[in-house]
């Protein structure tokens, strides 16, 4: 089963949340709706700034855990490499859940 590792934030260089999901569009819509209490709601993390697809969920989980251990500077560089303007990528998703 394919899966996605993604990063959401509230603003450029803001608070980051790294997650993994099999259904990226659905999961990001959940972040945007802010209807579940928790870290992402508390920090208003609704902006998808990074996403990478993996063919296997196990690989995506491994990558998520790895990214969470990275220094913040590395995470920022990863985002800027793909998305230098920190645009919200949700509107440009052309993926199937």
PDB file of N, CA and C in Angstrom:
ATOM      1  N   UNK A   1       0.837  -1.186   0.000  1.00  0.00           N
ATOM      2  CA  UNK A   1       0.000   0.000   0.000  1.00  0.00           C
ATOM      3  C   UNK A   1       0.878   1.245   0.000  1.00  0.00           C
ATOM      4  N   UNK A   2       0.581   2.172  -0.865  1.00  0.00           N
ATOM      5  CA  UNK A   2       1.317   3.432  -0.941  1.00  0.00           C
ATOM      6  C   UNK A   2       0.986   4.315   0.258  1.00  0.00           C
ATOM      7  N   UNK A   3       1.914   5.192   0.595  1.00  0.00           N
ATOM      8  CA  UNK A   3       1.721   6.105   1.719  1.00  0.00           C
ATOM      9  C   UNK A   3       2.522   7.375   1.480  1.00  0.00           C
ATOM     10  N   UNK A   4       2.190   8.382   2.239  1.00  0.00           N
ATOM     11  CA  UNK A   4       2.805   9.697   2.128  1.00  0.00           C
ATOM     12  C   UNK A   4       3.412  10.130   3.455  1.00  0.00           C
ATOM     13  N   UNK A   5       4.572  10.752   3.383  1.00  0.00           N
ATOM     14  CA  UNK A   5       5.142  11.486   4.508  1.00  0.00           C
ATOM     15  C   UNK A   5       4.920  12.956   4.161  1.00  0.00           C
ATOM     16  N   UNK A   6       4.467  13.729   5.127  1.00  0.00           N
ATOM     17  CA  UNK A   6       4.136  15.124   4.825  1.00  0.00           C
ATOM     18  C   UNK A   6       4.537  16.028   5.981  1.00  0.00           C
ATOM     19  N   UNK A   7       4.668  17.309   5.653  1.00  0.00           N
ATOM     20  CA  UNK A   7       4.944  18.323   6.675  1.00  0.00           C
ATOM     21  C   UNK A   7       3.911  19.431   6.518  1.00  0.00           C
ATOM     22  N   UNK A   8       3.278  19.775   7.621  1.00  0.00           N
ATOM     23  CA  UNK A   8       2.369  20.919   7.667  1.00  0.00           C
ATOM     24  C   UNK A   8       2.938  21.950   8.633  1.00  0.00           C
ATOM     25  N   UNK A   9       2.562  23.199   8.406  1.00  0.00           N
ATOM     26  CA  UNK A   9       3.035  24.295   9.236  1.00  0.00           C
ATOM     27  C   UNK A   9       1.951  25.363   9.324  1.00  0.00           C
ATOM     28  N   UNK A  10       2.218  26.408  10.098  1.00  0.00           N
ATOM     29  CA  UNK A  10       1.295  27.528  10.197  1.00  0.00           C
ATOM     30  C   UNK A  10       1.792  28.737   9.402  1.00  0.00           C
ATOM     31  N   UNK A  11       3.107  28.792   9.128  1.00  0.00           N
ATOM     32  CA  UNK A  11       3.689  29.903   8.387  1.00  0.00           C
ATOM     33  C   UNK A  11       5.120  29.547   8.016  1.00  0.00           C
ATOM     34  N   UNK A  12       5.713  30.311   7.147  1.00  0.00           N
ATOM     35  CA  UNK A  12       7.113  30.103   6.772  1.00  0.00           C
ATOM     36  C   UNK A  12       7.983  30.104   8.026  1.00  0.00           C
ATOM     37  N   UNK A  13       8.827  29.093   8.139  1.00  0.00           N
ATOM     38  CA  UNK A  13       9.718  28.916   9.293  1.00  0.00           C
ATOM     39  C   UNK A  13       8.972  28.799  10.620  1.00  0.00           C
ATOM     40  N   UNK A  14       7.700  28.425  10.568  1.00  0.00           N
ATOM     41  CA  UNK A  14       6.903  28.288  11.780  1.00  0.00           C
ATOM     42  C   UNK A  14       7.028  26.896  12.389  1.00  0.00           C
ATOM     43  N   UNK A  15       6.058  26.566  13.205  1.00  0.00           N
ATOM     44  CA  UNK A  15       6.006  25.256  13.830  1.00  0.00           C
ATOM     45  C   UNK A  15       5.786  24.200  12.750  1.00  0.00           C
ATOM     46  N   UNK A  16       6.490  23.072  12.869  1.00  0.00           N
ATOM     47  CA  UNK A  16       6.379  21.999  11.889  1.00  0.00           C
ATOM     48  C   UNK A  16       5.748  20.767  12.517  1.00  0.00           C
ATOM     49  N   UNK A  17       4.959  20.068  11.714  1.00  0.00           N
ATOM     50  CA  UNK A  17       4.413  18.774  12.114  1.00  0.00           C
ATOM     51  C   UNK A  17       4.693  17.800  10.980  1.00  0.00           C
ATOM     52  N   UNK A  18       5.317  16.690  11.296  1.00  0.00           N
ATOM     53  CA  UNK A  18       5.617  15.657  10.308  1.00  0.00           C
ATOM     54  C   UNK A  18       4.696  14.484  10.570  1.00  0.00           C
ATOM     55  N   UNK A  19       4.011  14.037   9.518  1.00  0.00           N
ATOM     56  CA  UNK A  19       3.076  12.922   9.667  1.00  0.00           C
ATOM     57  C   UNK A  19       3.200  11.941   8.522  1.00  0.00           C
ATOM     58  N   UNK A  20       2.467  10.850   8.646  1.00  0.00           N
ATOM     59  CA  UNK A  20       2.421   9.818   7.612  1.00  0.00           C
ATOM     60  C   UNK A  20       0.962   9.397   7.448  1.00  0.00           C
ATOM     61  N   UNK A  21       0.576   9.131   6.208  1.00  0.00           N
ATOM     62  CA  UNK A  21      -0.802   8.740   5.932  1.00  0.00           C
ATOM     63  C   UNK A  21      -0.879   7.988   4.616  1.00  0.00           C
ATOM     64  N   UNK A  22      -1.893   7.167   4.494  1.00  0.00           N
ATOM     65  CA  UNK A  22      -2.157   6.490   3.223  1.00  0.00           C
ATOM     66  C   UNK A  22      -3.060   7.342   2.338  1.00  0.00           C
ATOM     67  N   UNK A  23      -3.716   8.336   2.907  1.00  0.00           N
ATOM     68  CA  UNK A  23      -4.692   9.164   2.185  1.00  0.00           C
ATOM     69  C   UNK A  23      -4.364  10.639   2.406  1.00  0.00           C
ATOM     70  N   UNK A  24      -3.445  11.158   1.616  1.00  0.00           N
ATOM     71  CA  UNK A  24      -2.911  12.500   1.847  1.00  0.00           C
ATOM     72  C   UNK A  24      -3.977  13.592   1.775  1.00  0.00           C
ATOM     73  N   UNK A  25      -4.761  13.618   0.722  1.00  0.00           N
ATOM     74  CA  UNK A  25      -5.758  14.689   0.579  1.00  0.00           C
ATOM     75  C   UNK A  25      -6.744  14.686   1.752  1.00  0.00           C
ATOM     76  N   UNK A  26      -7.189  13.518   2.135  1.00  0.00           N
ATOM     77  CA  UNK A  26      -8.125  13.401   3.262  1.00  0.00           C
ATOM     78  C   UNK A  26      -7.482  13.874   4.558  1.00  0.00           C
ATOM     79  N   UNK A  27      -6.243  13.473   4.778  1.00  0.00           N
ATOM     80  CA  UNK A  27      -5.556  13.841   6.020  1.00  0.00           C
ATOM     81  C   UNK A  27      -5.315  15.344   6.089  1.00  0.00           C
ATOM     82  N   UNK A  28      -4.910  15.940   4.987  1.00  0.00           N
ATOM     83  CA  UNK A  28      -4.661  17.386   4.998  1.00  0.00           C
ATOM     84  C   UNK A  28      -5.970  18.142   5.196  1.00  0.00           C
ATOM     85  N   UNK A  29      -7.048  17.645   4.630  1.00  0.00           N
ATOM     86  CA  UNK A  29      -8.350  18.277   4.854  1.00  0.00           C
ATOM     87  C   UNK A  29      -8.709  18.226   6.339  1.00  0.00           C
ATOM     88  N   UNK A  30      -8.358  17.144   7.008  1.00  0.00           N
ATOM     89  CA  UNK A  30      -8.589  17.056   8.460  1.00  0.00           C
ATOM     90  C   UNK A  30      -7.788  18.120   9.202  1.00  0.00           C
ATOM     91  N   UNK A  31      -6.536  18.319   8.799  1.00  0.00           N
ATOM     92  CA  UNK A  31      -5.727  19.380   9.424  1.00  0.00           C
ATOM     93  C   UNK A  31      -6.370  20.743   9.181  1.00  0.00           C
ATOM     94  N   UNK A  32      -6.836  20.974   7.972  1.00  0.00           N
ATOM     95  CA  UNK A  32      -7.429  22.263   7.624  1.00  0.00           C
ATOM     96  C   UNK A  32      -8.738  22.526   8.372  1.00  0.00           C
ATOM     97  N   UNK A  33      -9.507  21.486   8.622  1.00  0.00           N
ATOM     98  CA  UNK A  33     -10.786  21.679   9.314  1.00  0.00           C
ATOM     99  C   UNK A  33     -10.604  21.986  10.796  1.00  0.00           C
ATOM    100  N   UNK A  34      -9.447  21.629  11.358  1.00  0.00           N
ATOM    101  CA  UNK A  34      -9.128  21.934  12.756  1.00  0.00           C
ATOM    102  C   UNK A  34     -10.182  21.434  13.743  1.00  0.00           C
ATOM    103  N   UNK A  35     -10.825  20.302  13.427  1.00  0.00           N
ATOM    104  CA  UNK A  35     -11.900  19.839  14.295  1.00  0.00           C
ATOM    105  C   UNK A  35     -11.449  18.828  15.347  1.00  0.00           C
ATOM    106  N   UNK A  36     -10.204  18.386  15.304  1.00  0.00           N
ATOM    107  CA  UNK A  36      -9.723  17.444  16.313  1.00  0.00           C
ATOM    108  C   UNK A  36      -8.711  18.139  17.211  1.00  0.00           C
ATOM    109  N   UNK A  37      -8.956  18.102  18.522  1.00  0.00           N
ATOM    110  CA  UNK A  37      -8.013  18.739  19.443  1.00  0.00           C
ATOM    111  C   UNK A  37      -6.652  18.051  19.381  1.00  0.00           C
ATOM    112  N   UNK A  38      -5.619  18.815  19.605  1.00  0.00           N
ATOM    113  CA  UNK A  38      -4.277  18.265  19.627  1.00  0.00           C
ATOM    114  C   UNK A  38      -3.252  19.283  19.164  1.00  0.00           C
ATOM    115  N   UNK A  39      -2.054  18.793  18.918  1.00  0.00           N
ATOM    116  CA  UNK A  39      -0.924  19.641  18.570  1.00  0.00           C
ATOM    117  C   UNK A  39      -1.198  20.488  17.340  1.00  0.00           C
ATOM    118  N   UNK A  40      -1.697  19.876  16.265  1.00  0.00           N
ATOM    119  CA  UNK A  40      -1.893  20.640  15.028  1.00  0.00           C
ATOM    120  C   UNK A  40      -2.997  21.683  15.174  1.00  0.00           C
ATOM    121  N   UNK A  41      -4.015  21.394  15.949  1.00  0.00           N
ATOM    122  CA  UNK A  41      -5.070  22.394  16.180  1.00  0.00           C
ATOM    123  C   UNK A  41      -4.552  23.531  17.061  1.00  0.00           C
ATOM    124  N   UNK A  42      -3.827  23.160  18.102  1.00  0.00           N
ATOM    125  CA  UNK A  42      -3.294  24.157  19.034  1.00  0.00           C
ATOM    126  C   UNK A  42      -2.381  25.164  18.329  1.00  0.00           C
ATOM    127  N   UNK A  43      -1.607  24.681  17.361  1.00  0.00           N
ATOM    128  CA  UNK A  43      -0.651  25.543  16.664  1.00  0.00           C
ATOM    129  C   UNK A  43      -1.150  26.012  15.294  1.00  0.00           C
ATOM    130  N   UNK A  44      -2.407  25.663  14.976  1.00  0.00           N
ATOM    131  CA  UNK A  44      -3.034  26.073  13.701  1.00  0.00           C
ATOM    132  C   UNK A  44      -2.189  25.652  12.488  1.00  0.00           C
ATOM    133  N   UNK A  45      -1.809  24.377  12.474  1.00  0.00           N
ATOM    134  CA  UNK A  45      -0.976  23.828  11.408  1.00  0.00           C
ATOM    135  C   UNK A  45      -1.870  23.308  10.295  1.00  0.00           C
ATOM    136  N   UNK A  46      -2.065  24.125   9.279  1.00  0.00           N
ATOM    137  CA  UNK A  46      -2.995  23.797   8.197  1.00  0.00           C
ATOM    138  C   UNK A  46      -2.371  23.857   6.810  1.00  0.00           C
ATOM    139  N   UNK A  47      -1.133  24.264   6.712  1.00  0.00           N
ATOM    140  CA  UNK A  47      -0.494  24.531   5.423  1.00  0.00           C
ATOM    141  C   UNK A  47       0.442  23.369   5.050  1.00  0.00           C
ATOM    142  N   UNK A  48       0.093  22.648   3.994  1.00  0.00           N
ATOM    143  CA  UNK A  48       0.930  21.550   3.500  1.00  0.00           C
ATOM    144  C   UNK A  48       2.101  22.142   2.721  1.00  0.00           C
ATOM    145  N   UNK A  49       3.329  21.940   3.239  1.00  0.00           N
ATOM    146  CA  UNK A  49       4.498  22.513   2.570  1.00  0.00           C
ATOM    147  C   UNK A  49       5.452  21.459   2.011  1.00  0.00           C
ATOM    148  N   UNK A  50       5.230  20.190   2.339  1.00  0.00           N
ATOM    149  CA  UNK A  50       6.105  19.126   1.848  1.00  0.00           C
ATOM    150  C   UNK A  50       5.345  17.811   1.848  1.00  0.00           C
ATOM    151  N   UNK A  51       5.572  17.017   0.801  1.00  0.00           N
ATOM    152  CA  UNK A  51       4.980  15.672   0.740  1.00  0.00           C
ATOM    153  C   UNK A  51       5.852  14.794  -0.143  1.00  0.00           C
ATOM    154  N   UNK A  52       6.038  13.565   0.302  1.00  0.00           N
ATOM    155  CA  UNK A  52       6.758  12.597  -0.514  1.00  0.00           C
ATOM    156  C   UNK A  52       6.032  11.264  -0.463  1.00  0.00           C
ATOM    157  N   UNK A  53       5.900  10.639  -1.621  1.00  0.00           N
ATOM    158  CA  UNK A  53       5.160   9.378  -1.751  1.00  0.00           C
ATOM    159  C   UNK A  53       6.114   8.206  -1.618  1.00  0.00           C
ATOM    160  N   UNK A  54       5.641   7.173  -0.949  1.00  0.00           N
ATOM    161  CA  UNK A  54       6.378   5.918  -0.797  1.00  0.00           C
ATOM    162  C   UNK A  54       5.482   4.777  -1.249  1.00  0.00           C
ATOM    163  N   UNK A  55       6.068   3.792  -1.879  1.00  0.00           N
ATOM    164  CA  UNK A  55       5.296   2.654  -2.379  1.00  0.00           C
ATOM    165  C   UNK A  55       4.814   1.727  -1.268  1.00  0.00           C
ATOM    166  N   UNK A  56       5.485   1.763  -0.130  1.00  0.00           N
ATOM    167  CA  UNK A  56       5.116   0.894   0.986  1.00  0.00           C
ATOM    168  C   UNK A  56       4.946   1.718   2.259  1.00  0.00           C
ATOM    169  N   UNK A  57       3.918   1.407   3.017  1.00  0.00           N
ATOM    170  CA  UNK A  57       3.641   2.127   4.255  1.00  0.00           C
ATOM    171  C   UNK A  57       4.792   1.983   5.242  1.00  0.00           C
ATOM    172  N   UNK A  58       5.427   0.824   5.261  1.00  0.00           N
ATOM    173  CA  UNK A  58       6.544   0.596   6.182  1.00  0.00           C
ATOM    174  C   UNK A  58       7.679   1.577   5.890  1.00  0.00           C
ATOM    175  N   UNK A  59       7.970   1.792   4.623  1.00  0.00           N
ATOM    176  CA  UNK A  59       9.026   2.737   4.232  1.00  0.00           C
ATOM    177  C   UNK A  59       8.638   4.172   4.622  1.00  0.00           C
ATOM    178  N   UNK A  60       7.388   4.507   4.455  1.00  0.00           N
ATOM    179  CA  UNK A  60       6.926   5.850   4.818  1.00  0.00           C
ATOM    180  C   UNK A  60       7.056   6.074   6.325  1.00  0.00           C
ATOM    181  N   UNK A  61       6.705   5.079   7.111  1.00  0.00           N
ATOM    182  CA  UNK A  61       6.819   5.189   8.573  1.00  0.00           C
ATOM    183  C   UNK A  61       8.283   5.343   8.973  1.00  0.00           C
ATOM    184  N   UNK A  62       9.165   4.575   8.331  1.00  0.00           N
ATOM    185  CA  UNK A  62      10.599   4.697   8.609  1.00  0.00           C
ATOM    186  C   UNK A  62      11.096   6.102   8.286  1.00  0.00           C
ATOM    187  N   UNK A  63      10.665   6.632   7.154  1.00  0.00           N
ATOM    188  CA  UNK A  63      11.084   7.969   6.737  1.00  0.00           C
ATOM    189  C   UNK A  63      10.548   9.028   7.703  1.00  0.00           C
ATOM    190  N   UNK A  64       9.292   8.884   8.116  1.00  0.00           N
ATOM    191  CA  UNK A  64       8.711   9.835   9.074  1.00  0.00           C
ATOM    192  C   UNK A  64       9.533   9.857  10.360  1.00  0.00           C
ATOM    193  N   UNK A  65       9.847   8.698  10.887  1.00  0.00           N
ATOM    194  CA  UNK A  65      10.628   8.629  12.128  1.00  0.00           C
ATOM    195  C   UNK A  65      12.012   9.244  11.943  1.00  0.00           C
ATOM    196  N   UNK A  66      12.596   9.000  10.781  1.00  0.00           N
ATOM    197  CA  UNK A  66      13.910   9.567  10.487  1.00  0.00           C
ATOM    198  C   UNK A  66      13.843  11.092  10.439  1.00  0.00           C
ATOM    199  N   UNK A  67      12.862  11.634   9.707  1.00  0.00           N
ATOM    200  CA  UNK A  67      12.723  13.093   9.600  1.00  0.00           C
ATOM    201  C   UNK A  67      12.483  13.738  10.958  1.00  0.00           C
ATOM    202  N   UNK A  68      11.731  13.082  11.805  1.00  0.00           N
ATOM    203  CA  UNK A  68      11.451  13.644  13.127  1.00  0.00           C
ATOM    204  C   UNK A  68      12.724  13.773  13.971  1.00  0.00           C
ATOM    205  N   UNK A  69      13.725  12.951  13.682  1.00  0.00           N
ATOM    206  CA  UNK A  69      14.995  13.019  14.420  1.00  0.00           C
ATOM    207  C   UNK A  69      15.961  14.049  13.829  1.00  0.00           C
ATOM    208  N   UNK A  70      15.681  14.524  12.628  1.00  0.00           N
ATOM    209  CA  UNK A  70      16.573  15.490  11.975  1.00  0.00           C
ATOM    210  C   UNK A  70      16.612  16.802  12.754  1.00  0.00           C
ATOM    211  N   UNK A  71      17.739  17.509  12.682  1.00  0.00           N
ATOM    212  CA  UNK A  71      17.777  18.880  13.224  1.00  0.00           C
ATOM    213  C   UNK A  71      16.810  19.781  12.432  1.00  0.00           C
ATOM    214  N   UNK A  72      16.305  20.786  13.087  1.00  0.00           N
ATOM    215  CA  UNK A  72      15.340  21.690  12.452  1.00  0.00           C
ATOM    216  C   UNK A  72      15.892  22.297  11.155  1.00  0.00           C
ATOM    217  N   UNK A  73      17.148  22.679  11.148  1.00  0.00           N
ATOM    218  CA  UNK A  73      17.741  23.282   9.945  1.00  0.00           C
ATOM    219  C   UNK A  73      17.646  22.349   8.743  1.00  0.00           C
ATOM    220  N   UNK A  74      17.828  21.064   8.945  1.00  0.00           N
ATOM    221  CA  UNK A  74      17.735  20.087   7.859  1.00  0.00           C
ATOM    222  C   UNK A  74      16.301  20.024   7.331  1.00  0.00           C
ATOM    223  N   UNK A  75      15.336  20.059   8.247  1.00  0.00           N
ATOM    224  CA  UNK A  75      13.925  20.015   7.843  1.00  0.00           C
ATOM    225  C   UNK A  75      13.572  21.250   7.010  1.00  0.00           C
ATOM    226  N   UNK A  76      14.025  22.396   7.452  1.00  0.00           N
ATOM    227  CA  UNK A  76      13.763  23.631   6.706  1.00  0.00           C
ATOM    228  C   UNK A  76      14.393  23.571   5.314  1.00  0.00           C
ATOM    229  N   UNK A  77      15.604  23.051   5.225  1.00  0.00           N
ATOM    230  CA  UNK A  77      16.278  22.921   3.929  1.00  0.00           C
ATOM    231  C   UNK A  77      15.528  21.951   3.018  1.00  0.00           C
ATOM    232  N   UNK A  78      14.997  20.878   3.576  1.00  0.00           N
ATOM    233  CA  UNK A  78      14.226  19.911   2.797  1.00  0.00           C
ATOM    234  C   UNK A  78      12.986  20.572   2.203  1.00  0.00           C
ATOM    235  N   UNK A  79      12.282  21.339   3.009  1.00  0.00           N
ATOM    236  CA  UNK A  79      11.096  22.052   2.525  1.00  0.00           C
ATOM    237  C   UNK A  79      11.485  23.042   1.430  1.00  0.00           C
ATOM    238  N   UNK A  80      12.501  23.827   1.685  1.00  0.00           N
ATOM    239  CA  UNK A  80      12.891  24.868   0.731  1.00  0.00           C
ATOM    240  C   UNK A  80      13.409  24.308  -0.581  1.00  0.00           C
ATOM    241  N   UNK A  81      13.970  23.098  -0.542  1.00  0.00           N
ATOM    242  CA  UNK A  81      14.432  22.466  -1.780  1.00  0.00           C
ATOM    243  C   UNK A  81      13.263  22.179  -2.719  1.00  0.00           C
ATOM    244  N   UNK A  82      12.163  21.701  -2.173  1.00  0.00           N
ATOM    245  CA  UNK A  82      10.973  21.375  -2.964  1.00  0.00           C
ATOM    246  C   UNK A  82      10.058  22.581  -3.146  1.00  0.00           C
ATOM    247  N   UNK A  83       9.955  23.393  -2.120  1.00  0.00           N
ATOM    248  CA  UNK A  83       8.947  24.442  -2.062  1.00  0.00           C
ATOM    249  C   UNK A  83       9.561  25.736  -1.507  1.00  0.00           C
ATOM    250  N   UNK A  84      10.417  26.411  -2.287  1.00  0.00           N
ATOM    251  CA  UNK A  84      11.152  27.565  -1.768  1.00  0.00           C
ATOM    252  C   UNK A  84      10.275  28.725  -1.299  1.00  0.00           C
ATOM    253  N   UNK A  85       9.070  28.836  -1.810  1.00  0.00           N
ATOM    254  CA  UNK A  85       8.172  29.922  -1.393  1.00  0.00           C
ATOM    255  C   UNK A  85       7.250  29.514  -0.243  1.00  0.00           C
ATOM    256  N   UNK A  86       7.347  28.279   0.197  1.00  0.00           N
ATOM    257  CA  UNK A  86       6.507  27.754   1.264  1.00  0.00           C
ATOM    258  C   UNK A  86       5.024  27.875   0.918  1.00  0.00           C
ATOM    259  N   UNK A  87       4.701  27.647  -0.344  1.00  0.00           N
ATOM    260  CA  UNK A  87       3.303  27.673  -0.781  1.00  0.00           C
ATOM    261  C   UNK A  87       2.545  26.499  -0.169  1.00  0.00           C
ATOM    262  N   UNK A  88       1.247  26.689   0.002  1.00  0.00           N
ATOM    263  CA  UNK A  88       0.388  25.590   0.450  1.00  0.00           C
ATOM    264  C   UNK A  88       0.169  24.673  -0.752  1.00  0.00           C
ATOM    265  N   UNK A  89       0.663  23.453  -0.672  1.00  0.00           N
ATOM    266  CA  UNK A  89       0.617  22.509  -1.778  1.00  0.00           C
ATOM    267  C   UNK A  89      -0.729  21.790  -1.883  1.00  0.00           C
ATOM    268  N   UNK A  90      -1.609  21.995  -0.943  1.00  0.00           N
ATOM    269  CA  UNK A  90      -2.885  21.273  -0.939  1.00  0.00           C
ATOM    270  C   UNK A  90      -3.671  21.501  -2.217  1.00  0.00           C
ATOM    271  N   UNK A  91      -3.736  22.717  -2.674  1.00  0.00           N
ATOM    272  CA  UNK A  91      -4.508  23.034  -3.869  1.00  0.00           C
ATOM    273  C   UNK A  91      -3.947  22.423  -5.151  1.00  0.00           C
ATOM    274  N   UNK A  92      -2.682  22.055  -5.111  1.00  0.00           N
ATOM    275  CA  UNK A  92      -2.053  21.497  -6.309  1.00  0.00           C
ATOM    276  C   UNK A  92      -1.928  19.973  -6.247  1.00  0.00           C
ATOM    277  N   UNK A  93      -2.534  19.362  -5.245  1.00  0.00           N
ATOM    278  CA  UNK A  93      -2.446  17.900  -5.146  1.00  0.00           C
ATOM    279  C   UNK A  93      -3.097  17.255  -6.351  1.00  0.00           C
ATOM    280  N   UNK A  94      -2.359  16.406  -7.001  1.00  0.00           N
ATOM    281  CA  UNK A  94      -2.913  15.642  -8.112  1.00  0.00           C
ATOM    282  C   UNK A  94      -2.665  14.170  -7.854  1.00  0.00           C
ATOM    283  N   UNK A  95      -3.092  13.742  -6.685  1.00  0.00           N
ATOM    284  CA  UNK A  95      -2.868  12.358  -6.261  1.00  0.00           C
ATOM    285  C   UNK A  95      -4.211  11.695  -5.992  1.00  0.00           C
ATOM    286  N   UNK A  96      -4.179  10.430  -6.042  1.00  0.00           N
ATOM    287  CA  UNK A  96      -5.360   9.636  -5.669  1.00  0.00           C
ATOM    288  C   UNK A  96      -5.098   9.042  -4.310  1.00  0.00           C
ATOM    289  N   UNK A  97      -6.107   9.066  -3.456  1.00  0.00           N
ATOM    290  CA  UNK A  97      -5.974   8.421  -2.156  1.00  0.00           C
ATOM    291  C   UNK A  97      -5.972   6.976  -2.403  1.00  0.00           C
TER     292      UNK A  97
END
